[in-house]
N, C-alpha and C. Protein backbone atom coordinates (compact mmCIF):
# COMPACT_ATOMS: atom_id res chain seq x y z
N UNK A 1 -221.02 -120.73 52.95
CA UNK A 1 -220.28 -121.21 51.80
C UNK A 1 -220.90 -122.51 51.37
N UNK A 2 -221.05 -122.73 50.01
CA UNK A 2 -221.59 -123.94 49.47
C UNK A 2 -220.49 -124.65 48.71
N UNK A 3 -220.46 -125.94 48.79
CA UNK A 3 -219.50 -126.75 48.15
C UNK A 3 -220.20 -127.79 47.36
N UNK A 4 -219.91 -127.90 46.01
CA UNK A 4 -220.53 -128.91 45.20
C UNK A 4 -219.81 -130.23 45.41
N UNK A 5 -220.60 -131.26 45.74
CA UNK A 5 -220.05 -132.58 45.95
C UNK A 5 -220.88 -133.55 45.11
N UNK A 6 -220.29 -134.71 44.78
CA UNK A 6 -221.07 -135.72 44.02
C UNK A 6 -222.37 -136.08 44.75
N UNK A 7 -223.48 -136.02 44.04
CA UNK A 7 -224.73 -136.39 44.68
C UNK A 7 -225.47 -135.23 45.34
N UNK A 8 -224.93 -134.00 45.30
CA UNK A 8 -225.66 -132.91 45.89
C UNK A 8 -224.79 -131.73 46.15
N UNK A 9 -225.24 -130.86 47.07
CA UNK A 9 -224.50 -129.65 47.41
C UNK A 9 -224.38 -129.59 48.89
N UNK A 10 -223.18 -129.35 49.41
CA UNK A 10 -222.99 -129.31 50.85
C UNK A 10 -222.88 -127.84 51.24
N UNK A 11 -223.63 -127.46 52.25
CA UNK A 11 -223.53 -126.12 52.77
C UNK A 11 -222.69 -126.16 54.05
N UNK A 12 -221.59 -125.37 53.99
CA UNK A 12 -220.70 -125.35 55.19
C UNK A 12 -220.90 -124.06 55.92
N UNK A 13 -220.93 -124.20 57.20
CA UNK A 13 -221.01 -123.01 58.05
C UNK A 13 -219.94 -123.09 59.10
N UNK A 14 -219.31 -122.00 59.38
CA UNK A 14 -218.24 -121.91 60.36
C UNK A 14 -218.70 -121.01 61.49
N UNK A 15 -218.42 -121.43 62.67
CA UNK A 15 -218.77 -120.55 63.83
C UNK A 15 -217.68 -120.71 64.88
N UNK A 16 -217.45 -119.60 65.61
CA UNK A 16 -216.42 -119.58 66.65
C UNK A 16 -217.21 -119.36 67.99
N UNK A 17 -216.72 -120.03 69.01
CA UNK A 17 -217.31 -119.74 70.33
C UNK A 17 -217.15 -118.27 70.71
N UNK A 18 -218.05 -117.72 71.49
CA UNK A 18 -218.06 -116.32 71.86
C UNK A 18 -216.94 -115.84 72.78
N UNK A 19 -216.36 -116.67 73.59
CA UNK A 19 -215.45 -116.25 74.59
C UNK A 19 -214.00 -116.30 74.22
N UNK A 20 -213.68 -115.97 73.00
CA UNK A 20 -212.28 -115.88 72.59
C UNK A 20 -211.56 -117.21 72.39
N UNK A 21 -212.25 -118.33 72.49
CA UNK A 21 -211.57 -119.62 72.27
C UNK A 21 -211.23 -119.77 70.78
N UNK A 22 -210.13 -120.48 70.54
CA UNK A 22 -209.69 -120.63 69.18
C UNK A 22 -210.36 -121.79 68.40
N UNK A 23 -211.16 -122.54 69.07
CA UNK A 23 -211.81 -123.68 68.47
C UNK A 23 -212.85 -123.17 67.41
N UNK A 24 -212.83 -123.85 66.30
CA UNK A 24 -213.82 -123.52 65.20
C UNK A 24 -214.70 -124.74 65.02
N UNK A 25 -215.97 -124.52 64.88
CA UNK A 25 -216.93 -125.59 64.66
C UNK A 25 -217.34 -125.53 63.19
N UNK A 26 -217.23 -126.62 62.51
CA UNK A 26 -217.59 -126.77 61.08
C UNK A 26 -218.79 -127.67 61.00
N UNK A 27 -219.89 -127.18 60.42
CA UNK A 27 -221.08 -127.95 60.22
C UNK A 27 -221.37 -128.10 58.76
N UNK A 28 -221.61 -129.29 58.23
CA UNK A 28 -221.96 -129.48 56.82
C UNK A 28 -223.27 -130.17 56.75
N UNK A 29 -224.15 -129.63 55.89
CA UNK A 29 -225.45 -130.27 55.59
C UNK A 29 -225.46 -130.57 54.13
N UNK A 30 -225.94 -131.74 53.77
CA UNK A 30 -226.00 -132.22 52.40
C UNK A 30 -227.42 -132.09 51.88
N UNK A 31 -227.62 -131.31 50.77
CA UNK A 31 -228.93 -131.27 50.16
C UNK A 31 -228.97 -132.22 49.04
N UNK A 32 -230.14 -132.83 48.78
CA UNK A 32 -230.27 -133.83 47.72
C UNK A 32 -230.05 -133.13 46.35
N UNK A 33 -229.53 -133.91 45.36
CA UNK A 33 -229.36 -133.32 44.04
C UNK A 33 -230.71 -133.03 43.40
N UNK A 34 -230.67 -132.02 42.50
CA UNK A 34 -231.89 -131.72 41.75
C UNK A 34 -232.16 -132.82 40.76
N UNK A 35 -233.41 -133.20 40.64
CA UNK A 35 -233.78 -134.22 39.69
C UNK A 35 -234.41 -133.56 38.50
N UNK A 36 -234.03 -133.98 37.29
CA UNK A 36 -234.66 -133.51 36.07
C UNK A 36 -236.11 -134.07 36.09
N UNK A 37 -237.05 -133.19 35.79
CA UNK A 37 -238.46 -133.65 35.92
C UNK A 37 -238.85 -134.48 34.66
N UNK A 38 -238.04 -134.48 33.63
CA UNK A 38 -238.35 -135.18 32.43
C UNK A 38 -237.52 -136.49 32.37
N UNK A 39 -238.11 -137.59 32.07
CA UNK A 39 -237.41 -138.82 31.82
C UNK A 39 -237.00 -138.84 30.36
N UNK A 40 -235.74 -138.45 30.09
CA UNK A 40 -235.28 -138.27 28.70
C UNK A 40 -235.22 -139.51 27.94
N UNK A 41 -235.01 -140.68 28.57
CA UNK A 41 -235.03 -141.96 27.86
C UNK A 41 -236.41 -142.16 27.28
N UNK A 42 -237.42 -141.94 28.15
CA UNK A 42 -238.80 -142.16 27.71
C UNK A 42 -239.22 -141.06 26.73
N UNK A 43 -238.75 -139.85 26.90
CA UNK A 43 -239.15 -138.73 26.02
C UNK A 43 -238.55 -138.87 24.64
N UNK A 44 -237.42 -139.61 24.56
CA UNK A 44 -236.80 -139.81 23.23
C UNK A 44 -236.97 -141.20 22.69
N UNK A 45 -237.78 -142.00 23.31
CA UNK A 45 -238.00 -143.40 22.88
C UNK A 45 -238.49 -143.47 21.49
N UNK A 46 -239.21 -142.48 21.02
CA UNK A 46 -239.75 -142.47 19.62
C UNK A 46 -238.66 -142.53 18.57
N UNK A 47 -237.46 -142.09 18.94
CA UNK A 47 -236.34 -142.18 17.96
C UNK A 47 -236.00 -143.58 17.58
N UNK A 48 -236.36 -144.53 18.45
CA UNK A 48 -235.97 -145.93 18.26
C UNK A 48 -237.17 -146.85 18.05
N UNK A 49 -238.38 -146.30 17.99
CA UNK A 49 -239.59 -147.17 17.79
C UNK A 49 -239.63 -147.80 16.42
N UNK A 50 -239.38 -147.08 15.39
CA UNK A 50 -239.49 -147.61 14.02
C UNK A 50 -238.13 -147.87 13.38
N UNK A 51 -237.08 -147.34 14.01
CA UNK A 51 -235.73 -147.43 13.46
C UNK A 51 -234.77 -147.71 14.59
N UNK A 52 -234.22 -148.90 14.69
CA UNK A 52 -233.34 -149.26 15.85
C UNK A 52 -231.88 -148.89 15.58
N UNK A 53 -231.55 -148.35 14.42
CA UNK A 53 -230.20 -148.00 14.11
C UNK A 53 -229.71 -146.91 15.13
N UNK A 54 -228.44 -147.02 15.55
CA UNK A 54 -227.92 -145.97 16.47
C UNK A 54 -227.84 -144.64 15.76
N UNK A 55 -227.74 -143.56 16.61
CA UNK A 55 -227.61 -142.21 16.07
C UNK A 55 -226.29 -141.60 16.47
N UNK A 56 -225.54 -141.12 15.48
CA UNK A 56 -224.30 -140.47 15.70
C UNK A 56 -224.57 -138.95 15.84
N UNK A 57 -224.26 -138.40 17.01
CA UNK A 57 -224.42 -136.94 17.25
C UNK A 57 -223.05 -136.32 16.97
N UNK A 58 -223.07 -135.23 16.20
CA UNK A 58 -221.84 -134.59 15.75
C UNK A 58 -221.98 -133.09 15.82
N UNK A 59 -220.89 -132.36 15.93
CA UNK A 59 -220.89 -130.91 15.94
C UNK A 59 -221.06 -130.47 14.51
N UNK A 60 -222.20 -129.88 14.18
CA UNK A 60 -222.58 -129.51 12.88
C UNK A 60 -221.86 -128.38 12.24
N UNK A 61 -221.14 -127.60 13.05
CA UNK A 61 -220.37 -126.44 12.48
C UNK A 61 -218.87 -126.74 12.45
N UNK A 62 -218.45 -127.88 12.92
CA UNK A 62 -217.07 -128.26 12.93
C UNK A 62 -216.65 -128.96 11.63
N UNK A 63 -215.63 -128.39 10.97
CA UNK A 63 -215.21 -128.95 9.67
C UNK A 63 -214.70 -130.40 9.85
N UNK A 64 -213.94 -130.65 10.91
CA UNK A 64 -213.42 -131.99 11.18
C UNK A 64 -214.57 -132.98 11.39
N UNK A 65 -215.54 -132.54 12.19
CA UNK A 65 -216.71 -133.42 12.46
C UNK A 65 -217.52 -133.74 11.23
N UNK A 66 -217.73 -132.70 10.41
CA UNK A 66 -218.49 -132.88 9.19
C UNK A 66 -217.72 -133.84 8.16
N UNK A 67 -216.42 -133.63 8.15
CA UNK A 67 -215.61 -134.51 7.36
C UNK A 67 -215.69 -135.97 7.92
N UNK A 68 -215.75 -136.11 9.24
CA UNK A 68 -215.89 -137.47 9.83
C UNK A 68 -217.22 -138.10 9.50
N UNK A 69 -218.27 -137.30 9.48
CA UNK A 69 -219.60 -137.81 9.16
C UNK A 69 -219.63 -138.26 7.66
N UNK A 70 -219.04 -137.40 6.82
CA UNK A 70 -219.02 -137.81 5.37
C UNK A 70 -218.22 -139.07 5.17
N UNK A 71 -217.11 -139.25 5.88
CA UNK A 71 -216.28 -140.43 5.83
C UNK A 71 -217.04 -141.66 6.29
N UNK A 72 -217.73 -141.49 7.42
CA UNK A 72 -218.51 -142.69 7.96
C UNK A 72 -219.63 -143.07 6.99
N UNK A 73 -220.32 -142.03 6.42
CA UNK A 73 -221.40 -142.34 5.49
C UNK A 73 -220.86 -143.06 4.26
N UNK A 74 -219.67 -142.69 3.86
CA UNK A 74 -219.07 -143.40 2.66
C UNK A 74 -218.73 -144.83 2.95
N UNK A 75 -218.21 -145.06 4.18
CA UNK A 75 -217.80 -146.52 4.47
C UNK A 75 -218.92 -147.29 5.12
N UNK A 76 -220.06 -146.68 5.40
CA UNK A 76 -221.20 -147.37 5.96
C UNK A 76 -222.20 -147.67 4.78
N UNK A 77 -221.82 -148.58 3.90
CA UNK A 77 -222.60 -148.80 2.71
C UNK A 77 -223.99 -149.40 2.98
N UNK A 78 -224.14 -150.02 4.13
CA UNK A 78 -225.44 -150.61 4.48
C UNK A 78 -226.33 -149.63 5.32
N UNK A 79 -225.83 -148.45 5.56
CA UNK A 79 -226.61 -147.47 6.29
C UNK A 79 -227.00 -147.91 7.72
N UNK A 80 -226.02 -148.37 8.44
CA UNK A 80 -226.33 -148.87 9.80
C UNK A 80 -226.39 -147.80 10.85
N UNK A 81 -225.98 -146.57 10.44
CA UNK A 81 -225.94 -145.47 11.41
C UNK A 81 -226.77 -144.31 10.90
N UNK A 82 -227.48 -143.64 11.81
CA UNK A 82 -228.18 -142.35 11.54
C UNK A 82 -227.35 -141.23 12.04
N UNK A 83 -227.62 -139.98 11.62
CA UNK A 83 -226.83 -138.84 11.94
C UNK A 83 -227.71 -137.68 12.39
N UNK A 84 -227.26 -136.98 13.43
CA UNK A 84 -228.01 -135.80 13.94
C UNK A 84 -226.99 -134.84 14.50
N UNK A 85 -227.13 -133.58 14.12
CA UNK A 85 -226.24 -132.52 14.67
C UNK A 85 -226.54 -132.26 16.15
N UNK A 86 -225.48 -132.08 16.93
CA UNK A 86 -225.65 -131.81 18.35
C UNK A 86 -226.48 -130.54 18.58
N UNK A 87 -226.43 -129.60 17.63
CA UNK A 87 -227.04 -128.29 17.77
C UNK A 87 -228.57 -128.37 17.49
N UNK A 88 -229.06 -129.44 16.89
CA UNK A 88 -230.49 -129.56 16.57
C UNK A 88 -231.29 -129.86 17.80
N UNK A 89 -232.58 -129.65 17.79
CA UNK A 89 -233.44 -129.97 18.94
C UNK A 89 -233.36 -131.46 19.24
N UNK A 90 -233.41 -132.27 18.20
CA UNK A 90 -233.30 -133.75 18.38
C UNK A 90 -231.95 -134.09 19.01
N UNK A 91 -230.91 -133.42 18.56
CA UNK A 91 -229.57 -133.66 19.11
C UNK A 91 -229.52 -133.26 20.61
N UNK A 92 -230.12 -132.15 20.90
CA UNK A 92 -230.07 -131.70 22.32
C UNK A 92 -230.87 -132.66 23.20
N UNK A 93 -232.01 -133.17 22.72
CA UNK A 93 -232.76 -134.13 23.51
C UNK A 93 -232.03 -135.44 23.67
N UNK A 94 -231.30 -135.88 22.59
CA UNK A 94 -230.55 -137.12 22.70
C UNK A 94 -229.34 -136.93 23.64
N UNK A 95 -228.79 -135.72 23.68
CA UNK A 95 -227.74 -135.45 24.67
C UNK A 95 -228.25 -135.61 26.06
N UNK A 96 -229.45 -135.06 26.34
CA UNK A 96 -230.06 -135.19 27.64
C UNK A 96 -230.28 -136.68 27.98
N UNK A 97 -230.76 -137.40 26.98
CA UNK A 97 -230.98 -138.84 27.16
C UNK A 97 -229.66 -139.55 27.63
N UNK A 98 -228.55 -139.06 27.09
CA UNK A 98 -227.24 -139.60 27.38
C UNK A 98 -226.62 -139.09 28.64
N UNK A 99 -227.38 -138.23 29.37
CA UNK A 99 -226.87 -137.70 30.63
C UNK A 99 -225.95 -136.53 30.47
N UNK A 100 -225.99 -135.87 29.34
CA UNK A 100 -225.13 -134.72 29.10
C UNK A 100 -225.94 -133.49 28.99
N UNK A 101 -225.30 -132.36 29.14
CA UNK A 101 -225.96 -131.04 29.04
C UNK A 101 -226.37 -130.84 27.58
N UNK A 102 -227.53 -130.22 27.32
CA UNK A 102 -228.02 -130.02 25.97
C UNK A 102 -227.14 -129.11 25.08
N UNK A 103 -226.25 -128.31 25.74
CA UNK A 103 -225.40 -127.45 24.93
C UNK A 103 -223.96 -127.96 24.89
N UNK A 104 -223.75 -129.22 25.26
CA UNK A 104 -222.41 -129.79 25.30
C UNK A 104 -222.06 -130.32 23.94
N UNK A 105 -221.20 -129.62 23.21
CA UNK A 105 -220.75 -130.02 21.92
C UNK A 105 -219.30 -130.43 21.90
N UNK A 106 -218.84 -130.92 23.07
CA UNK A 106 -217.42 -131.21 23.25
C UNK A 106 -217.07 -132.60 22.72
N UNK A 107 -218.05 -133.44 22.41
CA UNK A 107 -217.73 -134.83 22.00
C UNK A 107 -218.73 -135.34 21.03
N UNK A 108 -218.25 -136.21 20.13
CA UNK A 108 -219.19 -137.05 19.34
C UNK A 108 -219.84 -138.01 20.30
N UNK A 109 -221.11 -138.29 20.05
CA UNK A 109 -221.88 -139.18 20.91
C UNK A 109 -222.58 -140.20 20.00
N UNK A 110 -222.46 -141.47 20.39
CA UNK A 110 -223.24 -142.51 19.66
C UNK A 110 -224.34 -142.96 20.58
N UNK A 111 -225.57 -142.78 20.14
CA UNK A 111 -226.72 -143.13 20.99
C UNK A 111 -227.38 -144.39 20.44
N UNK A 112 -227.38 -145.44 21.19
CA UNK A 112 -228.10 -146.67 20.87
C UNK A 112 -229.35 -146.68 21.70
N UNK A 113 -230.27 -147.63 21.44
CA UNK A 113 -231.53 -147.69 22.18
C UNK A 113 -231.31 -147.76 23.70
N UNK A 114 -230.33 -148.54 24.16
CA UNK A 114 -230.19 -148.73 25.56
C UNK A 114 -228.91 -148.20 26.17
N UNK A 115 -228.10 -147.53 25.35
CA UNK A 115 -226.81 -147.04 25.85
C UNK A 115 -226.26 -145.95 24.97
N UNK A 116 -225.42 -145.11 25.53
CA UNK A 116 -224.71 -144.05 24.78
C UNK A 116 -223.19 -144.14 25.03
N UNK A 117 -222.48 -143.75 24.04
CA UNK A 117 -221.02 -143.72 24.07
C UNK A 117 -220.52 -142.33 23.75
N UNK A 118 -219.39 -141.94 24.44
CA UNK A 118 -218.80 -140.63 24.17
C UNK A 118 -217.30 -140.75 23.84
N UNK A 119 -216.82 -139.68 23.34
CA UNK A 119 -215.37 -139.56 23.03
C UNK A 119 -214.82 -140.78 22.27
N UNK A 120 -213.69 -141.30 22.74
CA UNK A 120 -213.01 -142.36 21.98
C UNK A 120 -213.87 -143.65 21.96
N UNK A 121 -214.67 -143.87 23.01
CA UNK A 121 -215.55 -145.06 23.02
C UNK A 121 -216.59 -144.94 21.87
N UNK A 122 -217.11 -143.71 21.66
CA UNK A 122 -218.07 -143.48 20.55
C UNK A 122 -217.40 -143.76 19.21
N UNK A 123 -216.19 -143.29 19.02
CA UNK A 123 -215.47 -143.44 17.76
C UNK A 123 -215.27 -144.94 17.49
N UNK A 124 -214.81 -145.70 18.48
CA UNK A 124 -214.64 -147.12 18.31
C UNK A 124 -215.90 -147.85 18.07
N UNK A 125 -216.98 -147.45 18.77
CA UNK A 125 -218.30 -148.12 18.55
C UNK A 125 -218.78 -147.83 17.10
N UNK A 126 -218.61 -146.60 16.62
CA UNK A 126 -219.00 -146.33 15.26
C UNK A 126 -218.21 -147.18 14.27
N UNK A 127 -216.91 -147.35 14.55
CA UNK A 127 -216.09 -148.24 13.70
C UNK A 127 -216.64 -149.69 13.65
N UNK A 128 -217.23 -150.10 14.77
CA UNK A 128 -217.74 -151.48 14.78
C UNK A 128 -218.98 -151.62 13.89
N UNK A 129 -219.68 -150.54 13.62
CA UNK A 129 -220.89 -150.60 12.80
C UNK A 129 -220.65 -150.55 11.31
N UNK A 130 -219.48 -150.01 10.87
CA UNK A 130 -219.26 -149.82 9.45
C UNK A 130 -218.54 -151.00 8.83
N UNK A 131 -218.25 -150.88 7.55
CA UNK A 131 -217.68 -152.00 6.80
C UNK A 131 -216.20 -152.28 7.10
N UNK A 132 -215.77 -153.45 6.70
CA UNK A 132 -214.37 -153.88 6.88
C UNK A 132 -213.37 -152.81 6.32
N UNK A 133 -212.29 -152.68 6.94
CA UNK A 133 -211.63 -153.37 8.06
C UNK A 133 -211.81 -152.65 9.41
N UNK A 134 -212.75 -151.72 9.44
CA UNK A 134 -212.87 -150.85 10.61
C UNK A 134 -213.30 -151.58 11.89
N UNK A 135 -214.18 -152.59 11.84
CA UNK A 135 -214.53 -153.30 13.08
C UNK A 135 -213.25 -154.02 13.69
N UNK A 136 -212.43 -154.54 12.85
CA UNK A 136 -211.22 -155.21 13.32
C UNK A 136 -210.22 -154.19 13.89
N UNK A 137 -210.15 -153.04 13.26
CA UNK A 137 -209.28 -151.95 13.76
C UNK A 137 -209.78 -151.46 15.14
N UNK A 138 -211.05 -151.34 15.27
CA UNK A 138 -211.64 -150.96 16.56
C UNK A 138 -211.32 -151.95 17.66
N UNK A 139 -211.36 -153.25 17.30
CA UNK A 139 -211.06 -154.30 18.21
C UNK A 139 -209.55 -154.15 18.72
N UNK A 140 -208.70 -153.89 17.81
CA UNK A 140 -207.28 -153.72 18.15
C UNK A 140 -207.06 -152.46 18.98
N UNK A 141 -207.74 -151.38 18.68
CA UNK A 141 -207.55 -150.12 19.38
C UNK A 141 -208.09 -150.19 20.85
N UNK A 142 -208.97 -151.14 21.12
CA UNK A 142 -209.47 -151.28 22.50
C UNK A 142 -208.36 -151.70 23.46
N UNK A 143 -207.24 -152.20 22.93
CA UNK A 143 -206.06 -152.52 23.73
C UNK A 143 -205.56 -151.28 24.42
N UNK A 144 -205.64 -150.15 23.77
CA UNK A 144 -205.20 -148.87 24.36
C UNK A 144 -206.11 -148.48 25.45
N UNK A 145 -205.55 -148.19 26.65
CA UNK A 145 -206.44 -147.83 27.79
C UNK A 145 -207.29 -146.59 27.49
N UNK A 146 -208.46 -146.60 28.09
CA UNK A 146 -209.45 -145.54 27.85
C UNK A 146 -208.85 -144.15 28.15
N UNK A 147 -208.08 -143.99 29.27
CA UNK A 147 -207.56 -142.71 29.62
C UNK A 147 -206.60 -142.21 28.57
N UNK A 148 -205.86 -143.04 27.88
CA UNK A 148 -204.93 -142.68 26.83
C UNK A 148 -205.72 -142.27 25.59
N UNK A 149 -206.68 -143.10 25.21
CA UNK A 149 -207.51 -142.79 24.03
C UNK A 149 -208.23 -141.48 24.16
N UNK A 150 -208.82 -141.25 25.37
CA UNK A 150 -209.58 -140.00 25.62
C UNK A 150 -208.63 -138.81 25.72
N UNK A 151 -207.38 -139.03 26.17
CA UNK A 151 -206.44 -137.94 26.21
C UNK A 151 -206.17 -137.45 24.78
N UNK A 152 -205.95 -138.32 23.89
CA UNK A 152 -205.72 -137.95 22.44
C UNK A 152 -206.99 -137.35 21.88
N UNK A 153 -208.16 -137.96 22.16
CA UNK A 153 -209.41 -137.44 21.67
C UNK A 153 -209.64 -136.01 22.16
N UNK A 154 -209.48 -135.79 23.46
CA UNK A 154 -209.69 -134.44 24.05
C UNK A 154 -208.78 -133.41 23.42
N UNK A 155 -207.52 -133.76 23.22
CA UNK A 155 -206.57 -132.78 22.59
C UNK A 155 -207.02 -132.40 21.18
N UNK A 156 -207.46 -133.36 20.39
CA UNK A 156 -207.97 -133.06 19.05
C UNK A 156 -209.26 -132.24 19.14
N UNK A 157 -210.19 -132.68 19.99
CA UNK A 157 -211.48 -132.03 20.13
C UNK A 157 -211.35 -130.57 20.57
N UNK A 158 -210.44 -130.31 21.53
CA UNK A 158 -210.29 -128.98 22.06
C UNK A 158 -209.62 -128.04 21.07
N UNK A 159 -208.98 -128.59 20.06
CA UNK A 159 -208.32 -127.71 19.06
C UNK A 159 -208.92 -127.84 17.69
N UNK A 160 -210.04 -128.48 17.57
CA UNK A 160 -210.59 -128.77 16.23
C UNK A 160 -210.97 -127.54 15.40
N UNK A 161 -211.48 -126.47 16.04
CA UNK A 161 -211.78 -125.28 15.32
C UNK A 161 -210.53 -124.56 14.84
N UNK A 162 -209.48 -124.57 15.70
CA UNK A 162 -208.25 -123.86 15.36
C UNK A 162 -207.55 -124.57 14.20
N UNK A 163 -207.54 -125.89 14.21
CA UNK A 163 -206.81 -126.68 13.21
C UNK A 163 -207.61 -126.83 11.90
N UNK A 164 -208.91 -127.21 12.06
CA UNK A 164 -209.70 -127.58 10.88
C UNK A 164 -210.71 -126.54 10.47
N UNK A 165 -210.95 -125.52 11.32
CA UNK A 165 -211.89 -124.48 11.01
C UNK A 165 -213.32 -124.79 11.41
N UNK A 166 -214.14 -123.78 11.17
CA UNK A 166 -215.56 -123.85 11.52
C UNK A 166 -216.45 -123.32 10.44
N UNK A 167 -217.57 -123.98 10.23
CA UNK A 167 -218.54 -123.55 9.22
C UNK A 167 -219.45 -122.44 9.77
N UNK A 168 -220.04 -121.65 8.90
CA UNK A 168 -220.97 -120.59 9.33
C UNK A 168 -222.33 -121.19 9.61
N UNK A 169 -222.64 -122.29 9.05
CA UNK A 169 -223.95 -122.97 9.25
C UNK A 169 -223.75 -124.40 9.58
N UNK A 170 -224.79 -124.96 10.15
CA UNK A 170 -224.77 -126.35 10.63
C UNK A 170 -225.12 -127.27 9.46
N UNK A 171 -224.24 -128.23 9.13
CA UNK A 171 -224.45 -129.20 8.12
C UNK A 171 -225.38 -130.32 8.61
N UNK A 172 -226.39 -130.63 7.90
CA UNK A 172 -227.34 -131.73 8.26
C UNK A 172 -227.24 -132.78 7.16
N UNK A 173 -227.45 -134.03 7.57
CA UNK A 173 -227.35 -135.14 6.63
C UNK A 173 -228.69 -135.99 6.69
N UNK A 174 -229.05 -136.50 5.56
CA UNK A 174 -230.22 -137.35 5.49
C UNK A 174 -229.87 -138.70 6.12
N UNK A 175 -230.90 -139.28 6.76
CA UNK A 175 -230.65 -140.62 7.33
C UNK A 175 -231.18 -141.59 6.40
């Protein structure tokens, strides 16, 4: 039997002594975690060589997400944020850079040169980049504990297609 544990995989084996004793011996061996052979930070460094603006990764087929991108573009008059669909090759590579699976479209992600933000932290960080009054609102919303913000975020994200619908094609935006 194998058991997934943080940092690797534990293989458990059970054995009983041969002479009818009830004692059970449990042995666990820990194998090292698999390492991705690609350094995704280095592999995606070109995204930030000529343009240091952060990149907002969004679900390109989600109507709520596309509405969110249009809203951010409208209130980001100075163009401080770039946009990339999670489903694009660039989006998948940036997800890997952020330590997420390339097919994980469960959250908006904001990727900066040295750091990434997900879920409610990403939303608040995006608010800090756009025009007034959103940076101040983000500051106030940080009072709400992360677990509470992410609880609300997850409930909306998990029902976004049901409530807001889904597009047949992925919407892309110019940066």
